[in-house]
């Protein structure tokens, strides 16, 4: 959505300000965030229905939803679902934010992240042989020479970057991070 041009008009009535404020509030979330929030809310409602639980986002219900949901989806998505549940039910259940920030919920989220997170899959390292093969496959056109230069600078400039981010001690290395 393109930004609206700023206006220099003075707002004469309180109702006018209220209408503009309501419009601002309705547009504060990105469409992708709204979609995740809706999905999390639907999963929560379905969980409550399936387990004969009241539709109340208290600590116990939220913890159980996290436990069940994290086994079906990426654990990182669970946090977004929780945000959506609190966002949607905030007016109806004012205590949802307190329940969401409780130690039980925080510990449950940390636990499922540790148990069910999948390590990042890395492509094999780009070697000097790959560089040689890449250089041989290009023509001598300007664009190809430019790309060769960028490739060479990137390869030799960043080749040892991993040494800066991987801990020296083997016990501290974690492929999930």
C-alpha atoms as a PDB file:
ATOM      1  CA  UNK A   1       0.000   0.000   0.000  1.00  0.00           C
ATOM      2  CA  UNK A   2       1.607   3.305  -1.053  1.00  0.00           C
ATOM      3  CA  UNK A   3       1.956   5.888   1.705  1.00  0.00           C
ATOM      4  CA  UNK A   4      -0.592   8.660   1.762  1.00  0.00           C
ATOM      5  CA  UNK A   5       0.735  12.178   1.313  1.00  0.00           C
ATOM      6  CA  UNK A   6       1.016  14.155   4.526  1.00  0.00           C
ATOM      7  CA  UNK A   7      -1.670  16.720   5.046  1.00  0.00           C
ATOM      8  CA  UNK A   8      -1.418  20.201   6.471  1.00  0.00           C
ATOM      9  CA  UNK A   9      -5.133  20.376   7.317  1.00  0.00           C
ATOM     10  CA  UNK A  10      -6.047  21.141  10.887  1.00  0.00           C
ATOM     11  CA  UNK A  11      -8.389  18.685  12.533  1.00  0.00           C
ATOM     12  CA  UNK A  12     -11.396  20.641  13.700  1.00  0.00           C
ATOM     13  CA  UNK A  13     -13.395  17.969  15.471  1.00  0.00           C
ATOM     14  CA  UNK A  14     -12.650  15.268  17.968  1.00  0.00           C
ATOM     15  CA  UNK A  15     -14.774  12.832  15.914  1.00  0.00           C
ATOM     16  CA  UNK A  16     -12.563  13.495  12.886  1.00  0.00           C
ATOM     17  CA  UNK A  17      -9.479  12.649  14.962  1.00  0.00           C
ATOM     18  CA  UNK A  18     -11.188   9.517  16.288  1.00  0.00           C
ATOM     19  CA  UNK A  19     -12.000   8.331  12.755  1.00  0.00           C
ATOM     20  CA  UNK A  20      -8.415   8.909  11.614  1.00  0.00           C
ATOM     21  CA  UNK A  21      -7.068   7.140  14.695  1.00  0.00           C
ATOM     22  CA  UNK A  22      -9.327   4.136  14.040  1.00  0.00           C
ATOM     23  CA  UNK A  23      -8.008   3.977  10.462  1.00  0.00           C
ATOM     24  CA  UNK A  24      -4.404   4.115  11.705  1.00  0.00           C
ATOM     25  CA  UNK A  25      -5.058   1.329  14.201  1.00  0.00           C
ATOM     26  CA  UNK A  26      -6.696  -0.884  11.572  1.00  0.00           C
ATOM     27  CA  UNK A  27      -3.588  -0.588   9.365  1.00  0.00           C
ATOM     28  CA  UNK A  28      -0.887  -1.147  11.988  1.00  0.00           C
ATOM     29  CA  UNK A  29      -0.327  -4.832  11.165  1.00  0.00           C
ATOM     30  CA  UNK A  30       1.249  -6.191   8.013  1.00  0.00           C
ATOM     31  CA  UNK A  31      -0.932  -8.644   6.036  1.00  0.00           C
ATOM     32  CA  UNK A  32       1.515 -11.505   6.719  1.00  0.00           C
ATOM     33  CA  UNK A  33       1.324 -10.826  10.469  1.00  0.00           C
ATOM     34  CA  UNK A  34      -2.469 -10.740  10.359  1.00  0.00           C
ATOM     35  CA  UNK A  35      -2.479 -14.106   8.593  1.00  0.00           C
ATOM     36  CA  UNK A  36      -0.208 -15.698  11.236  1.00  0.00           C
ATOM     37  CA  UNK A  37      -2.299 -14.178  14.020  1.00  0.00           C
ATOM     38  CA  UNK A  38      -5.515 -15.551  12.515  1.00  0.00           C
ATOM     39  CA  UNK A  39      -3.939 -18.975  12.102  1.00  0.00           C
ATOM     40  CA  UNK A  40      -2.756 -19.045  15.721  1.00  0.00           C
ATOM     41  CA  UNK A  41      -6.158 -17.947  16.964  1.00  0.00           C
ATOM     42  CA  UNK A  42      -7.909 -20.638  14.912  1.00  0.00           C
ATOM     43  CA  UNK A  43      -5.521 -23.296  16.234  1.00  0.00           C
ATOM     44  CA  UNK A  44      -6.194 -22.148  19.805  1.00  0.00           C
ATOM     45  CA  UNK A  45      -9.973 -22.231  19.305  1.00  0.00           C
ATOM     46  CA  UNK A  46      -9.754 -25.678  17.674  1.00  0.00           C
ATOM     47  CA  UNK A  47      -7.565 -26.970  20.518  1.00  0.00           C
ATOM     48  CA  UNK A  48     -10.074 -25.758  23.115  1.00  0.00           C
ATOM     49  CA  UNK A  49     -12.935 -27.370  21.186  1.00  0.00           C
ATOM     50  CA  UNK A  50     -11.098 -30.689  20.653  1.00  0.00           C
ATOM     51  CA  UNK A  51     -10.098 -30.974  24.317  1.00  0.00           C
ATOM     52  CA  UNK A  52     -13.379 -29.695  25.806  1.00  0.00           C
ATOM     53  CA  UNK A  53     -11.604 -26.704  27.333  1.00  0.00           C
ATOM     54  CA  UNK A  54     -13.174 -23.285  27.832  1.00  0.00           C
ATOM     55  CA  UNK A  55     -12.099 -20.711  25.255  1.00  0.00           C
ATOM     56  CA  UNK A  56      -9.971 -18.920  27.839  1.00  0.00           C
ATOM     57  CA  UNK A  57      -6.339 -18.039  27.057  1.00  0.00           C
ATOM     58  CA  UNK A  58      -5.058 -18.795  30.568  1.00  0.00           C
ATOM     59  CA  UNK A  59      -1.610 -20.198  31.386  1.00  0.00           C
ATOM     60  CA  UNK A  60      -2.720 -23.811  31.356  1.00  0.00           C
ATOM     61  CA  UNK A  61      -4.517 -23.636  27.998  1.00  0.00           C
ATOM     62  CA  UNK A  62      -1.710 -21.648  26.370  1.00  0.00           C
ATOM     63  CA  UNK A  63       0.952 -24.063  27.648  1.00  0.00           C
ATOM     64  CA  UNK A  64      -0.954 -27.065  26.300  1.00  0.00           C
ATOM     65  CA  UNK A  65      -1.544 -25.385  22.937  1.00  0.00           C
ATOM     66  CA  UNK A  66       2.189 -24.694  22.676  1.00  0.00           C
ATOM     67  CA  UNK A  67       3.022 -28.291  23.547  1.00  0.00           C
ATOM     68  CA  UNK A  68       0.631 -29.755  20.973  1.00  0.00           C
ATOM     69  CA  UNK A  69       1.254 -27.205  18.209  1.00  0.00           C
ATOM     70  CA  UNK A  70       5.064 -27.290  18.408  1.00  0.00           C
ATOM     71  CA  UNK A  71       5.029 -30.960  17.470  1.00  0.00           C
ATOM     72  CA  UNK A  72       3.224 -30.185  14.213  1.00  0.00           C
ATOM     73  CA  UNK A  73       4.862 -26.943  13.036  1.00  0.00           C
ATOM     74  CA  UNK A  74       8.165 -25.115  13.391  1.00  0.00           C
ATOM     75  CA  UNK A  75       8.677 -24.175  17.042  1.00  0.00           C
ATOM     76  CA  UNK A  76       9.573 -20.607  16.056  1.00  0.00           C
ATOM     77  CA  UNK A  77       6.069 -20.136  14.672  1.00  0.00           C
ATOM     78  CA  UNK A  78       4.574 -20.909  18.088  1.00  0.00           C
ATOM     79  CA  UNK A  79       5.702 -17.519  19.393  1.00  0.00           C
ATOM     80  CA  UNK A  80       3.881 -15.769  16.542  1.00  0.00           C
ATOM     81  CA  UNK A  81       0.777 -17.794  17.300  1.00  0.00           C
ATOM     82  CA  UNK A  82       0.958 -16.715  20.944  1.00  0.00           C
ATOM     83  CA  UNK A  83       1.241 -13.092  19.887  1.00  0.00           C
ATOM     84  CA  UNK A  84      -1.824 -13.545  17.699  1.00  0.00           C
ATOM     85  CA  UNK A  85      -3.814 -15.180  20.480  1.00  0.00           C
ATOM     86  CA  UNK A  86      -3.021 -12.319  22.865  1.00  0.00           C
ATOM     87  CA  UNK A  87      -3.737  -9.723  20.193  1.00  0.00           C
ATOM     88  CA  UNK A  88      -7.137 -11.168  19.280  1.00  0.00           C
ATOM     89  CA  UNK A  89      -8.342 -12.027  22.795  1.00  0.00           C
ATOM     90  CA  UNK A  90      -6.924  -8.973  24.613  1.00  0.00           C
ATOM     91  CA  UNK A  91     -10.242  -7.096  24.825  1.00  0.00           C
ATOM     92  CA  UNK A  92     -12.272 -10.156  25.797  1.00  0.00           C
ATOM     93  CA  UNK A  93      -9.683 -11.555  28.246  1.00  0.00           C
ATOM     94  CA  UNK A  94      -7.543  -8.726  29.708  1.00  0.00           C
ATOM     95  CA  UNK A  95      -5.357 -11.212  31.635  1.00  0.00           C
ATOM     96  CA  UNK A  96      -4.084 -12.901  28.444  1.00  0.00           C
ATOM     97  CA  UNK A  97      -0.921 -10.771  28.360  1.00  0.00           C
ATOM     98  CA  UNK A  98      -0.087 -11.700  31.948  1.00  0.00           C
ATOM     99  CA  UNK A  99      -0.642 -15.392  31.176  1.00  0.00           C
ATOM    100  CA  UNK A 100       1.478 -15.142  28.025  1.00  0.00           C
ATOM    101  CA  UNK A 101       4.398 -13.563  29.872  1.00  0.00           C
ATOM    102  CA  UNK A 102       4.291 -16.070  32.745  1.00  0.00           C
ATOM    103  CA  UNK A 103       7.286 -18.235  33.564  1.00  0.00           C
ATOM    104  CA  UNK A 104       5.384 -21.408  32.625  1.00  0.00           C
ATOM    105  CA  UNK A 105       4.738 -20.142  29.094  1.00  0.00           C
ATOM    106  CA  UNK A 106       8.293 -18.838  28.661  1.00  0.00           C
ATOM    107  CA  UNK A 107       9.739 -22.163  29.830  1.00  0.00           C
ATOM    108  CA  UNK A 108       7.401 -24.146  27.588  1.00  0.00           C
ATOM    109  CA  UNK A 109       8.385 -22.086  24.536  1.00  0.00           C
ATOM    110  CA  UNK A 110      12.098 -22.466  25.343  1.00  0.00           C
ATOM    111  CA  UNK A 111      11.655 -26.206  25.883  1.00  0.00           C
ATOM    112  CA  UNK A 112       9.872 -26.900  22.601  1.00  0.00           C
ATOM    113  CA  UNK A 113      12.402 -24.770  20.735  1.00  0.00           C
ATOM    114  CA  UNK A 114      15.241 -26.861  22.154  1.00  0.00           C
ATOM    115  CA  UNK A 115      13.499 -30.185  21.582  1.00  0.00           C
ATOM    116  CA  UNK A 116      12.013 -29.676  18.132  1.00  0.00           C
ATOM    117  CA  UNK A 117      14.143 -27.089  16.352  1.00  0.00           C
ATOM    118  CA  UNK A 118      15.763 -28.354  13.192  1.00  0.00           C
ATOM    119  CA  UNK A 119      19.382 -27.535  12.521  1.00  0.00           C
ATOM    120  CA  UNK A 120      20.069 -25.266   9.586  1.00  0.00           C
ATOM    121  CA  UNK A 121      21.150 -27.172   6.504  1.00  0.00           C
ATOM    122  CA  UNK A 122      24.236 -25.706   4.933  1.00  0.00           C
ATOM    123  CA  UNK A 123      25.320 -26.036   1.355  1.00  0.00           C
ATOM    124  CA  UNK A 124      28.812 -27.457   0.871  1.00  0.00           C
ATOM    125  CA  UNK A 125      31.588 -24.897   1.095  1.00  0.00           C
ATOM    126  CA  UNK A 126      32.597 -23.080  -2.089  1.00  0.00           C
ATOM    127  CA  UNK A 127      36.189 -24.158  -2.777  1.00  0.00           C
ATOM    128  CA  UNK A 128      39.039 -23.018  -4.996  1.00  0.00           C
ATOM    129  CA  UNK A 129      38.104 -25.779  -7.435  1.00  0.00           C
ATOM    130  CA  UNK A 130      34.610 -24.274  -7.677  1.00  0.00           C
ATOM    131  CA  UNK A 131      36.161 -20.857  -8.283  1.00  0.00           C
ATOM    132  CA  UNK A 132      38.358 -22.264 -11.042  1.00  0.00           C
ATOM    133  CA  UNK A 133      35.384 -23.984 -12.707  1.00  0.00           C
ATOM    134  CA  UNK A 134      33.311 -20.821 -12.452  1.00  0.00           C
ATOM    135  CA  UNK A 135      36.075 -18.708 -14.001  1.00  0.00           C
ATOM    136  CA  UNK A 136      36.443 -21.157 -16.900  1.00  0.00           C
ATOM    137  CA  UNK A 137      32.731 -21.124 -17.685  1.00  0.00           C
ATOM    138  CA  UNK A 138      32.499 -17.355 -18.268  1.00  0.00           C
ATOM    139  CA  UNK A 139      33.104 -15.474 -21.512  1.00  0.00           C
ATOM    140  CA  UNK A 140      35.248 -12.369 -21.718  1.00  0.00           C
ATOM    141  CA  UNK A 141      32.290  -9.994 -22.060  1.00  0.00           C
ATOM    142  CA  UNK A 142      32.148  -6.967 -19.792  1.00  0.00           C
ATOM    143  CA  UNK A 143      29.325  -8.394 -17.659  1.00  0.00           C
ATOM    144  CA  UNK A 144      31.099 -11.717 -17.209  1.00  0.00           C
ATOM    145  CA  UNK A 145      34.362 -10.006 -16.253  1.00  0.00           C
ATOM    146  CA  UNK A 146      32.478  -7.845 -13.772  1.00  0.00           C
ATOM    147  CA  UNK A 147      30.786 -10.902 -12.289  1.00  0.00           C
ATOM    148  CA  UNK A 148      34.171 -12.665 -12.040  1.00  0.00           C
ATOM    149  CA  UNK A 149      35.549  -9.696 -10.110  1.00  0.00           C
ATOM    150  CA  UNK A 150      32.585  -9.681  -7.725  1.00  0.00           C
ATOM    151  CA  UNK A 151      32.836 -13.454  -7.257  1.00  0.00           C
ATOM    152  CA  UNK A 152      36.581 -13.287  -6.564  1.00  0.00           C
ATOM    153  CA  UNK A 153      36.281 -10.417  -4.097  1.00  0.00           C
ATOM    154  CA  UNK A 154      33.426 -12.126  -2.310  1.00  0.00           C
ATOM    155  CA  UNK A 155      35.182 -15.469  -2.139  1.00  0.00           C
ATOM    156  CA  UNK A 156      38.583 -14.289  -0.974  1.00  0.00           C
ATOM    157  CA  UNK A 157      37.209 -11.491   1.191  1.00  0.00           C
ATOM    158  CA  UNK A 158      34.736 -13.662   3.075  1.00  0.00           C
ATOM    159  CA  UNK A 159      36.515 -17.020   2.914  1.00  0.00           C
ATOM    160  CA  UNK A 160      37.604 -17.000   6.563  1.00  0.00           C
ATOM    161  CA  UNK A 161      34.510 -15.355   8.000  1.00  0.00           C
ATOM    162  CA  UNK A 162      33.381 -18.607   9.649  1.00  0.00           C
ATOM    163  CA  UNK A 163      36.370 -18.479  11.984  1.00  0.00           C
ATOM    164  CA  UNK A 164      34.939 -15.302  13.459  1.00  0.00           C
ATOM    165  CA  UNK A 165      31.563 -16.804  14.331  1.00  0.00           C
ATOM    166  CA  UNK A 166      32.234 -20.447  15.306  1.00  0.00           C
ATOM    167  CA  UNK A 167      33.421 -20.909  18.907  1.00  0.00           C
ATOM    168  CA  UNK A 168      36.889 -22.425  19.333  1.00  0.00           C
ATOM    169  CA  UNK A 169      35.714 -24.763  22.088  1.00  0.00           C
ATOM    170  CA  UNK A 170      33.979 -27.813  20.638  1.00  0.00           C
ATOM    171  CA  UNK A 171      31.599 -28.075  23.602  1.00  0.00           C
ATOM    172  CA  UNK A 172      30.242 -24.596  22.861  1.00  0.00           C
ATOM    173  CA  UNK A 173      29.464 -25.355  19.216  1.00  0.00           C
ATOM    174  CA  UNK A 174      25.796 -25.830  18.415  1.00  0.00           C
ATOM    175  CA  UNK A 175      24.723 -26.544  14.820  1.00  0.00           C
ATOM    176  CA  UNK A 176      21.234 -25.181  15.602  1.00  0.00           C
ATOM    177  CA  UNK A 177      22.575 -21.677  16.123  1.00  0.00           C
END
